[in-house]
Amino acid sequence: MSDNPIPMPAPGQPRKRNVFDVIEALTASKEDAAPAKNILVRVDFNVPMNSEGEITDDSRIRGALPSINAIVNAKCNAILVSHMGRPKLVQKGEDNSETREQRKTLSLKPVADKLSQLIGKDVLFAEDCLGAPAETAVGTLPKEGGGILLLENLRFYKQEEKNEEKFASSLASYADG
């Protein structure tokens, strides 16, 4: 039995690339003294929460653990991105009490806390997925690898739903390779 938690395809079906393929490609040329690679991973952390902001079903977070652990165990850093809900008010860019409340309600911060609890190590959290907060957080990832960073809700930017190339390129710039 393999240590690979990714299931193999049915006989006759092509095998899809998975996190192990990415790790192998990134670390194959890595010298021992080279800094750890940062791997950007889109995860589905759109989890249900109650009115107190507590996660009521963490199965989506648990589902991402094998990939996150594979990255960390390969001495790389995992930069996780996800969306939560449909923050239409936040996307409009207004600054009022309703918008601030929606931002608080749809923040991924409780997910970072839950992930930290489930994985048994600190999970860094960037209060924005773009700009200085994200860049600073990426810069604090350990040079020896093994770090985990969750960026704030991608859907706070309407460009995410529109699949805008500039938005995607900004996110991709945080990763290596």
N, C-alpha and C. Protein backbone atom coordinates (compact mmCIF):
# COMPACT_ATOMS: atom_id res chain seq x y z
N MET A 1 0.84 -1.20 0.00
CA MET A 1 0.00 0.00 0.00
C MET A 1 0.88 1.25 0.00
N SER A 2 0.51 2.22 -0.78
CA SER A 2 1.27 3.45 -0.93
C SER A 2 0.94 4.43 0.20
N ASP A 3 1.90 5.34 0.50
CA ASP A 3 1.66 6.42 1.47
C ASP A 3 0.86 7.54 0.84
N ASN A 4 0.65 7.49 -0.45
CA ASN A 4 -0.06 8.51 -1.19
C ASN A 4 -1.57 8.41 -0.88
N PRO A 5 -2.14 9.44 -0.21
CA PRO A 5 -3.58 9.39 0.13
C PRO A 5 -4.50 9.74 -1.04
N ILE A 6 -3.93 10.07 -2.20
CA ILE A 6 -4.73 10.41 -3.36
C ILE A 6 -5.13 9.11 -4.05
N PRO A 7 -6.42 8.86 -4.24
CA PRO A 7 -6.84 7.60 -4.86
C PRO A 7 -6.39 7.50 -6.32
N MET A 8 -6.09 6.29 -6.73
CA MET A 8 -5.70 6.03 -8.11
C MET A 8 -6.96 5.97 -8.99
N PRO A 9 -6.85 6.33 -10.27
CA PRO A 9 -8.01 6.30 -11.16
C PRO A 9 -8.42 4.86 -11.47
N ALA A 10 -9.61 4.72 -11.96
CA ALA A 10 -10.11 3.41 -12.39
C ALA A 10 -9.24 2.90 -13.54
N PRO A 11 -9.13 1.58 -13.68
CA PRO A 11 -8.33 1.03 -14.79
C PRO A 11 -8.78 1.61 -16.13
N GLY A 12 -7.78 1.97 -16.94
CA GLY A 12 -8.06 2.52 -18.26
C GLY A 12 -8.28 4.03 -18.28
N GLN A 13 -8.37 4.65 -17.10
CA GLN A 13 -8.58 6.10 -17.02
C GLN A 13 -7.25 6.80 -16.80
N PRO A 14 -7.06 7.97 -17.39
CA PRO A 14 -5.80 8.68 -17.19
C PRO A 14 -5.71 9.20 -15.75
N ARG A 15 -4.50 9.27 -15.24
CA ARG A 15 -4.28 9.79 -13.90
C ARG A 15 -4.15 11.31 -13.99
N LYS A 16 -4.87 12.00 -13.13
CA LYS A 16 -4.79 13.46 -13.09
C LYS A 16 -3.60 13.87 -12.22
N ARG A 17 -3.05 15.03 -12.52
CA ARG A 17 -1.96 15.57 -11.69
C ARG A 17 -2.51 15.86 -10.31
N ASN A 18 -1.66 15.68 -9.31
CA ASN A 18 -2.07 15.98 -7.95
C ASN A 18 -0.94 16.69 -7.22
N VAL A 19 -1.14 16.94 -5.96
CA VAL A 19 -0.17 17.70 -5.18
C VAL A 19 1.20 17.03 -5.16
N PHE A 20 1.25 15.72 -5.19
CA PHE A 20 2.53 15.02 -5.17
C PHE A 20 3.33 15.28 -6.45
N ASP A 21 2.66 15.40 -7.58
CA ASP A 21 3.32 15.73 -8.84
C ASP A 21 3.93 17.13 -8.77
N VAL A 22 3.20 18.07 -8.19
CA VAL A 22 3.67 19.44 -8.07
C VAL A 22 4.88 19.50 -7.14
N ILE A 23 4.78 18.82 -6.00
CA ILE A 23 5.90 18.81 -5.05
C ILE A 23 7.14 18.21 -5.71
N GLU A 24 6.96 17.11 -6.39
CA GLU A 24 8.10 16.46 -7.05
C GLU A 24 8.75 17.39 -8.06
N ALA A 25 7.94 18.07 -8.86
CA ALA A 25 8.48 18.98 -9.88
C ALA A 25 9.22 20.15 -9.24
N LEU A 26 8.68 20.69 -8.15
CA LEU A 26 9.30 21.86 -7.52
C LEU A 26 10.54 21.50 -6.73
N THR A 27 10.56 20.35 -6.13
CA THR A 27 11.69 20.00 -5.26
C THR A 27 12.78 19.22 -5.98
N ALA A 28 12.52 18.75 -7.19
CA ALA A 28 13.51 17.95 -7.92
C ALA A 28 14.80 18.72 -8.15
N SER A 29 14.68 20.00 -8.43
CA SER A 29 15.87 20.80 -8.72
C SER A 29 16.33 21.61 -7.51
N LYS A 30 15.64 21.47 -6.40
CA LYS A 30 15.95 22.26 -5.21
C LYS A 30 17.23 21.75 -4.54
N GLU A 31 18.13 22.67 -4.29
CA GLU A 31 19.34 22.34 -3.56
C GLU A 31 19.02 22.37 -2.07
N ASP A 32 19.78 21.63 -1.28
CA ASP A 32 19.52 21.55 0.15
C ASP A 32 19.54 22.91 0.83
N ALA A 33 20.41 23.80 0.40
CA ALA A 33 20.54 25.12 1.02
C ALA A 33 19.52 26.13 0.48
N ALA A 34 18.81 25.76 -0.57
CA ALA A 34 17.84 26.68 -1.17
C ALA A 34 16.65 26.88 -0.24
N PRO A 35 16.07 28.08 -0.26
CA PRO A 35 14.88 28.29 0.58
C PRO A 35 13.71 27.42 0.11
N ALA A 36 12.79 27.17 1.02
CA ALA A 36 11.62 26.34 0.73
C ALA A 36 10.78 26.97 -0.38
N LYS A 37 10.12 26.13 -1.14
CA LYS A 37 9.21 26.60 -2.17
C LYS A 37 7.86 26.95 -1.54
N ASN A 38 7.23 27.96 -2.07
CA ASN A 38 5.86 28.34 -1.67
C ASN A 38 4.90 27.78 -2.71
N ILE A 39 3.93 27.00 -2.25
CA ILE A 39 2.97 26.38 -3.15
C ILE A 39 1.59 26.98 -2.87
N LEU A 40 1.00 27.57 -3.90
CA LEU A 40 -0.34 28.17 -3.80
C LEU A 40 -1.38 27.09 -4.08
N VAL A 41 -2.33 26.93 -3.17
CA VAL A 41 -3.35 25.89 -3.31
C VAL A 41 -4.74 26.50 -3.14
N ARG A 42 -5.58 26.28 -4.14
CA ARG A 42 -6.99 26.69 -4.03
C ARG A 42 -7.71 25.57 -3.30
N VAL A 43 -8.30 25.91 -2.17
CA VAL A 43 -9.04 24.94 -1.36
C VAL A 43 -10.49 25.37 -1.25
N ASP A 44 -11.36 24.45 -0.89
CA ASP A 44 -12.77 24.77 -0.70
C ASP A 44 -13.05 24.86 0.79
N PHE A 45 -12.88 26.05 1.33
CA PHE A 45 -13.14 26.30 2.74
C PHE A 45 -14.43 27.11 2.92
N ASN A 46 -15.34 27.00 1.97
CA ASN A 46 -16.64 27.66 2.05
C ASN A 46 -17.52 26.82 2.99
N VAL A 47 -17.25 26.95 4.29
CA VAL A 47 -17.87 26.09 5.30
C VAL A 47 -19.03 26.81 6.00
N PRO A 48 -20.01 26.03 6.47
CA PRO A 48 -21.12 26.65 7.19
C PRO A 48 -20.70 27.11 8.59
N MET A 49 -21.20 28.29 8.97
CA MET A 49 -20.94 28.83 10.30
C MET A 49 -22.26 29.29 10.92
N ASN A 50 -22.32 29.21 12.24
CA ASN A 50 -23.52 29.69 12.94
C ASN A 50 -23.42 31.19 13.18
N SER A 51 -24.40 31.75 13.84
CA SER A 51 -24.45 33.21 14.04
C SER A 51 -23.34 33.71 14.95
N GLU A 52 -22.70 32.81 15.72
CA GLU A 52 -21.58 33.21 16.57
C GLU A 52 -20.24 33.10 15.84
N GLY A 53 -20.27 32.73 14.55
CA GLY A 53 -19.05 32.60 13.78
C GLY A 53 -18.31 31.30 14.01
N GLU A 54 -19.00 30.30 14.56
CA GLU A 54 -18.39 28.99 14.79
C GLU A 54 -18.69 28.08 13.61
N ILE A 55 -17.69 27.34 13.19
CA ILE A 55 -17.84 26.41 12.07
C ILE A 55 -18.68 25.22 12.53
N THR A 56 -19.75 24.93 11.80
CA THR A 56 -20.66 23.84 12.19
C THR A 56 -20.38 22.53 11.47
N ASP A 57 -19.60 22.58 10.40
CA ASP A 57 -19.22 21.36 9.67
C ASP A 57 -17.84 21.61 9.07
N ASP A 58 -16.85 20.91 9.61
CA ASP A 58 -15.46 21.13 9.17
C ASP A 58 -14.98 20.10 8.15
N SER A 59 -15.90 19.37 7.52
CA SER A 59 -15.50 18.30 6.60
C SER A 59 -14.71 18.82 5.40
N ARG A 60 -14.98 20.01 4.93
CA ARG A 60 -14.22 20.56 3.80
C ARG A 60 -12.78 20.89 4.21
N ILE A 61 -12.62 21.35 5.43
CA ILE A 61 -11.27 21.62 5.94
C ILE A 61 -10.52 20.30 6.10
N ARG A 62 -11.17 19.31 6.69
CA ARG A 62 -10.55 17.99 6.86
C ARG A 62 -10.18 17.37 5.51
N GLY A 63 -10.99 17.63 4.50
CA GLY A 63 -10.73 17.10 3.16
C GLY A 63 -9.45 17.64 2.55
N ALA A 64 -9.03 18.83 2.96
CA ALA A 64 -7.81 19.44 2.43
C ALA A 64 -6.56 19.02 3.19
N LEU A 65 -6.71 18.39 4.33
CA LEU A 65 -5.56 18.05 5.17
C LEU A 65 -4.52 17.18 4.48
N PRO A 66 -4.89 16.14 3.72
CA PRO A 66 -3.84 15.34 3.07
C PRO A 66 -2.93 16.16 2.14
N SER A 67 -3.51 17.07 1.39
CA SER A 67 -2.70 17.90 0.49
C SER A 67 -1.83 18.87 1.28
N ILE A 68 -2.40 19.49 2.30
CA ILE A 68 -1.64 20.44 3.12
C ILE A 68 -0.49 19.72 3.82
N ASN A 69 -0.78 18.57 4.41
CA ASN A 69 0.26 17.79 5.08
C ASN A 69 1.36 17.36 4.12
N ALA A 70 0.99 16.99 2.90
CA ALA A 70 1.99 16.58 1.90
C ALA A 70 2.95 17.73 1.60
N ILE A 71 2.41 18.93 1.48
CA ILE A 71 3.24 20.10 1.20
C ILE A 71 4.17 20.39 2.37
N VAL A 72 3.62 20.41 3.57
CA VAL A 72 4.40 20.70 4.77
C VAL A 72 5.47 19.62 5.00
N ASN A 73 5.10 18.36 4.82
CA ASN A 73 6.06 17.27 5.02
C ASN A 73 7.17 17.27 3.98
N ALA A 74 6.91 17.87 2.81
CA ALA A 74 7.94 18.00 1.77
C ALA A 74 8.83 19.21 2.01
N LYS A 75 8.66 19.85 3.16
CA LYS A 75 9.43 21.04 3.54
C LYS A 75 9.21 22.20 2.57
N CYS A 76 7.97 22.31 2.13
CA CYS A 76 7.53 23.47 1.34
C CYS A 76 6.54 24.24 2.21
N ASN A 77 6.17 25.43 1.78
CA ASN A 77 5.15 26.23 2.46
C ASN A 77 3.85 26.18 1.67
N ALA A 78 2.74 26.05 2.38
CA ALA A 78 1.42 26.03 1.76
C ALA A 78 0.76 27.40 1.90
N ILE A 79 0.45 28.02 0.77
CA ILE A 79 -0.32 29.27 0.76
C ILE A 79 -1.71 28.90 0.26
N LEU A 80 -2.68 29.00 1.14
CA LEU A 80 -4.03 28.54 0.84
C LEU A 80 -4.94 29.71 0.49
N VAL A 81 -5.74 29.52 -0.55
CA VAL A 81 -6.72 30.53 -0.94
C VAL A 81 -8.08 29.86 -1.09
N SER A 82 -9.11 30.60 -0.73
CA SER A 82 -10.48 30.08 -0.80
C SER A 82 -11.45 31.25 -0.85
N HIS A 83 -12.70 30.91 -1.05
CA HIS A 83 -13.75 31.92 -0.94
C HIS A 83 -14.71 31.47 0.15
N MET A 84 -15.54 32.41 0.59
CA MET A 84 -16.57 32.13 1.57
C MET A 84 -17.78 32.98 1.21
N GLY A 85 -18.87 32.33 0.87
CA GLY A 85 -20.12 33.03 0.61
C GLY A 85 -20.09 33.94 -0.61
N ARG A 86 -21.05 34.86 -0.63
CA ARG A 86 -21.17 35.82 -1.72
C ARG A 86 -21.25 37.24 -1.14
N PRO A 87 -20.11 37.84 -0.90
CA PRO A 87 -20.06 39.16 -0.23
C PRO A 87 -20.32 40.33 -1.18
N LYS A 88 -21.53 40.45 -1.65
CA LYS A 88 -21.86 41.49 -2.64
C LYS A 88 -21.63 42.90 -2.12
N LEU A 89 -21.93 43.15 -0.84
CA LEU A 89 -21.71 44.49 -0.28
C LEU A 89 -20.23 44.82 -0.23
N VAL A 90 -19.42 43.87 0.20
CA VAL A 90 -17.97 44.09 0.29
C VAL A 90 -17.40 44.36 -1.10
N GLN A 91 -17.88 43.62 -2.10
CA GLN A 91 -17.39 43.80 -3.46
C GLN A 91 -17.66 45.20 -4.00
N LYS A 92 -18.70 45.84 -3.51
CA LYS A 92 -19.01 47.20 -3.96
C LYS A 92 -18.01 48.22 -3.44
N GLY A 93 -17.26 47.84 -2.40
CA GLY A 93 -16.20 48.71 -1.89
C GLY A 93 -16.66 49.81 -0.96
N GLU A 94 -17.90 49.77 -0.52
CA GLU A 94 -18.38 50.79 0.40
C GLU A 94 -17.84 50.52 1.80
N ASP A 95 -17.76 51.56 2.61
CA ASP A 95 -17.30 51.42 3.98
C ASP A 95 -18.40 51.91 4.91
N ASN A 96 -19.28 51.00 5.28
CA ASN A 96 -20.35 51.32 6.21
C ASN A 96 -20.53 50.14 7.15
N SER A 97 -21.43 50.26 8.12
CA SER A 97 -21.58 49.21 9.13
C SER A 97 -22.05 47.89 8.52
N GLU A 98 -22.93 47.93 7.53
CA GLU A 98 -23.40 46.70 6.87
C GLU A 98 -22.26 45.96 6.17
N THR A 99 -21.44 46.73 5.46
CA THR A 99 -20.32 46.14 4.75
C THR A 99 -19.30 45.56 5.71
N ARG A 100 -19.00 46.30 6.79
CA ARG A 100 -18.05 45.80 7.79
C ARG A 100 -18.58 44.53 8.44
N GLU A 101 -19.86 44.46 8.69
CA GLU A 101 -20.47 43.27 9.29
C GLU A 101 -20.38 42.08 8.32
N GLN A 102 -20.64 42.33 7.04
CA GLN A 102 -20.54 41.24 6.07
C GLN A 102 -19.09 40.75 5.95
N ARG A 103 -18.15 41.67 5.98
CA ARG A 103 -16.74 41.30 5.92
C ARG A 103 -16.38 40.42 7.12
N LYS A 104 -16.86 40.79 8.29
CA LYS A 104 -16.58 40.02 9.51
C LYS A 104 -17.23 38.64 9.43
N THR A 105 -18.47 38.59 8.99
CA THR A 105 -19.22 37.34 8.90
C THR A 105 -18.61 36.37 7.89
N LEU A 106 -18.07 36.89 6.79
CA LEU A 106 -17.54 36.04 5.72
C LEU A 106 -16.01 35.95 5.71
N SER A 107 -15.39 36.35 6.81
CA SER A 107 -13.94 36.24 6.91
C SER A 107 -13.53 34.77 7.06
N LEU A 108 -12.36 34.46 6.56
CA LEU A 108 -11.80 33.12 6.69
C LEU A 108 -10.97 32.95 7.97
N LYS A 109 -10.92 33.98 8.81
CA LYS A 109 -10.15 33.89 10.06
C LYS A 109 -10.59 32.70 10.92
N PRO A 110 -11.89 32.46 11.13
CA PRO A 110 -12.28 31.28 11.91
C PRO A 110 -11.82 29.97 11.27
N VAL A 111 -11.72 29.95 9.95
CA VAL A 111 -11.24 28.76 9.25
C VAL A 111 -9.76 28.55 9.55
N ALA A 112 -8.97 29.63 9.58
CA ALA A 112 -7.55 29.52 9.91
C ALA A 112 -7.38 28.95 11.32
N ASP A 113 -8.20 29.42 12.24
CA ASP A 113 -8.14 28.93 13.62
C ASP A 113 -8.50 27.45 13.69
N LYS A 114 -9.54 27.05 12.99
CA LYS A 114 -9.97 25.65 12.98
C LYS A 114 -8.92 24.77 12.31
N LEU A 115 -8.35 25.23 11.21
CA LEU A 115 -7.31 24.48 10.53
C LEU A 115 -6.11 24.28 11.45
N SER A 116 -5.73 25.31 12.17
CA SER A 116 -4.62 25.22 13.11
C SER A 116 -4.90 24.14 14.16
N GLN A 117 -6.11 24.13 14.65
CA GLN A 117 -6.52 23.12 15.64
C GLN A 117 -6.44 21.71 15.05
N LEU A 118 -6.95 21.54 13.83
CA LEU A 118 -6.98 20.22 13.20
C LEU A 118 -5.60 19.71 12.79
N ILE A 119 -4.74 20.62 12.35
CA ILE A 119 -3.43 20.20 11.83
C ILE A 119 -2.36 20.17 12.92
N GLY A 120 -2.66 20.81 14.04
CA GLY A 120 -1.74 20.78 15.18
C GLY A 120 -0.53 21.67 15.04
N LYS A 121 -0.66 22.74 14.28
CA LYS A 121 0.42 23.72 14.17
C LYS A 121 -0.16 25.07 13.82
N ASP A 122 0.63 26.12 14.01
CA ASP A 122 0.17 27.47 13.72
C ASP A 122 -0.14 27.64 12.24
N VAL A 123 -1.22 28.34 11.98
CA VAL A 123 -1.59 28.72 10.62
C VAL A 123 -1.61 30.24 10.58
N LEU A 124 -0.75 30.81 9.75
CA LEU A 124 -0.73 32.26 9.59
C LEU A 124 -1.98 32.69 8.83
N PHE A 125 -2.43 33.92 9.09
CA PHE A 125 -3.60 34.45 8.39
C PHE A 125 -3.30 35.85 7.91
N ALA A 126 -3.54 36.10 6.62
CA ALA A 126 -3.38 37.43 6.04
C ALA A 126 -4.76 38.08 5.93
N GLU A 127 -4.89 39.28 6.41
CA GLU A 127 -6.18 39.95 6.45
C GLU A 127 -6.66 40.46 5.10
N ASP A 128 -5.89 40.20 4.07
CA ASP A 128 -6.30 40.50 2.70
C ASP A 128 -5.60 39.47 1.81
N CYS A 129 -6.18 39.20 0.66
CA CYS A 129 -5.55 38.23 -0.25
C CYS A 129 -4.65 38.92 -1.26
N LEU A 130 -4.65 40.24 -1.28
CA LEU A 130 -3.81 41.01 -2.19
C LEU A 130 -3.09 42.11 -1.43
N GLY A 131 -2.07 42.66 -2.04
CA GLY A 131 -1.41 43.83 -1.49
C GLY A 131 -0.50 43.55 -0.32
N ALA A 132 -0.22 44.61 0.44
CA ALA A 132 0.76 44.54 1.53
C ALA A 132 0.44 43.47 2.58
N PRO A 133 -0.81 43.32 3.03
CA PRO A 133 -1.05 42.28 4.05
C PRO A 133 -0.65 40.88 3.57
N ALA A 134 -1.00 40.55 2.34
CA ALA A 134 -0.65 39.24 1.80
C ALA A 134 0.85 39.13 1.57
N GLU A 135 1.44 40.14 0.99
CA GLU A 135 2.88 40.11 0.70
C GLU A 135 3.70 39.99 1.98
N THR A 136 3.30 40.72 3.02
CA THR A 136 3.99 40.65 4.30
C THR A 136 3.87 39.25 4.90
N ALA A 137 2.67 38.69 4.87
CA ALA A 137 2.44 37.35 5.42
C ALA A 137 3.26 36.30 4.67
N VAL A 138 3.30 36.39 3.34
CA VAL A 138 4.11 35.45 2.54
C VAL A 138 5.58 35.58 2.94
N GLY A 139 6.02 36.80 3.19
CA GLY A 139 7.41 37.05 3.58
C GLY A 139 7.77 36.47 4.93
N THR A 140 6.78 36.19 5.77
CA THR A 140 7.07 35.63 7.10
C THR A 140 7.06 34.10 7.11
N LEU A 141 6.75 33.48 5.98
CA LEU A 141 6.78 32.02 5.93
C LEU A 141 8.20 31.53 6.17
N PRO A 142 8.36 30.41 6.86
CA PRO A 142 9.72 29.95 7.19
C PRO A 142 10.54 29.57 5.97
N LYS A 143 11.79 30.01 5.95
CA LYS A 143 12.70 29.73 4.82
C LYS A 143 13.00 28.23 4.71
N GLU A 144 12.86 27.51 5.83
CA GLU A 144 13.11 26.06 5.81
C GLU A 144 11.86 25.26 5.45
N GLY A 145 10.74 25.95 5.23
CA GLY A 145 9.50 25.29 4.84
C GLY A 145 8.68 24.82 6.02
N GLY A 146 7.56 24.20 5.72
CA GLY A 146 6.68 23.70 6.76
C GLY A 146 5.64 24.70 7.25
N GLY A 147 5.57 25.87 6.62
CA GLY A 147 4.61 26.89 7.03
C GLY A 147 3.29 26.79 6.30
N ILE A 148 2.25 27.31 6.95
CA ILE A 148 0.92 27.33 6.36
C ILE A 148 0.37 28.75 6.50
N LEU A 149 -0.13 29.28 5.40
CA LEU A 149 -0.71 30.62 5.37
C LEU A 149 -2.05 30.54 4.67
N LEU A 150 -3.08 31.10 5.29
CA LEU A 150 -4.39 31.23 4.66
C LEU A 150 -4.63 32.70 4.37
N LEU A 151 -4.89 33.01 3.10
CA LEU A 151 -5.21 34.39 2.72
C LEU A 151 -6.70 34.65 2.91
N GLU A 152 -7.05 35.90 3.13
CA GLU A 152 -8.45 36.27 3.35
C GLU A 152 -9.30 35.95 2.12
N ASN A 153 -10.58 35.91 2.32
CA ASN A 153 -11.61 35.55 1.35
C ASN A 153 -11.39 36.19 -0.03
N LEU A 154 -11.17 35.34 -1.03
CA LEU A 154 -10.97 35.82 -2.40
C LEU A 154 -12.18 36.58 -2.92
N ARG A 155 -13.36 36.21 -2.47
CA ARG A 155 -14.59 36.83 -3.00
C ARG A 155 -14.80 38.25 -2.51
N PHE A 156 -13.93 38.73 -1.64
CA PHE A 156 -14.02 40.13 -1.27
C PHE A 156 -13.66 41.01 -2.48
N TYR A 157 -13.14 40.38 -3.52
CA TYR A 157 -12.82 41.05 -4.77
C TYR A 157 -13.72 40.50 -5.87
N LYS A 158 -14.47 41.37 -6.54
CA LYS A 158 -15.35 40.91 -7.61
C LYS A 158 -14.56 40.30 -8.77
N GLN A 159 -13.28 40.65 -8.87
CA GLN A 159 -12.43 40.10 -9.92
C GLN A 159 -12.30 38.58 -9.81
N GLU A 160 -12.45 38.04 -8.60
CA GLU A 160 -12.35 36.59 -8.41
C GLU A 160 -13.46 35.88 -9.15
N GLU A 161 -14.68 36.35 -9.01
CA GLU A 161 -15.82 35.71 -9.69
C GLU A 161 -15.76 35.89 -11.20
N LYS A 162 -15.09 36.95 -11.64
CA LYS A 162 -14.99 37.22 -13.08
C LYS A 162 -13.77 36.55 -13.70
N ASN A 163 -12.99 35.82 -12.87
CA ASN A 163 -11.79 35.13 -13.35
C ASN A 163 -10.83 36.07 -14.08
N GLU A 164 -10.64 37.27 -13.54
CA GLU A 164 -9.77 38.24 -14.18
C GLU A 164 -8.31 37.81 -14.09
N GLU A 165 -7.63 37.88 -15.21
CA GLU A 165 -6.24 37.42 -15.30
C GLU A 165 -5.31 38.18 -14.37
N LYS A 166 -5.50 39.49 -14.25
CA LYS A 166 -4.63 40.30 -13.39
C LYS A 166 -4.77 39.86 -11.93
N PHE A 167 -5.98 39.56 -11.50
CA PHE A 167 -6.22 39.09 -10.14
C PHE A 167 -5.52 37.75 -9.92
N ALA A 168 -5.69 36.83 -10.86
CA ALA A 168 -5.05 35.51 -10.77
C ALA A 168 -3.53 35.64 -10.77
N SER A 169 -3.00 36.52 -11.58
CA SER A 169 -1.55 36.71 -11.64
C SER A 169 -1.01 37.26 -10.33
N SER A 170 -1.76 38.15 -9.71
CA SER A 170 -1.34 38.68 -8.41
C SER A 170 -1.24 37.57 -7.38
N LEU A 171 -2.23 36.70 -7.35
CA LEU A 171 -2.19 35.56 -6.42
C LEU A 171 -1.04 34.63 -6.75
N ALA A 172 -0.88 34.33 -8.03
CA ALA A 172 0.17 33.40 -8.45
C ALA A 172 1.56 33.92 -8.12
N SER A 173 1.72 35.24 -8.01
CA SER A 173 3.02 35.80 -7.72
C SER A 173 3.54 35.42 -6.33
N TYR A 174 2.67 34.96 -5.45
CA TYR A 174 3.08 34.55 -4.11
C TYR A 174 3.73 33.17 -4.10
N ALA A 175 3.56 32.42 -5.18
CA ALA A 175 4.06 31.04 -5.24
C ALA A 175 5.34 30.96 -6.06
N ASP A 176 6.04 29.85 -5.90
CA ASP A 176 7.26 29.59 -6.67
C ASP A 176 6.96 28.60 -7.77
N GLY A 177 7.68 28.74 -8.87
CA GLY A 177 7.58 27.76 -9.95
C GLY A 177 6.44 28.01 -10.82
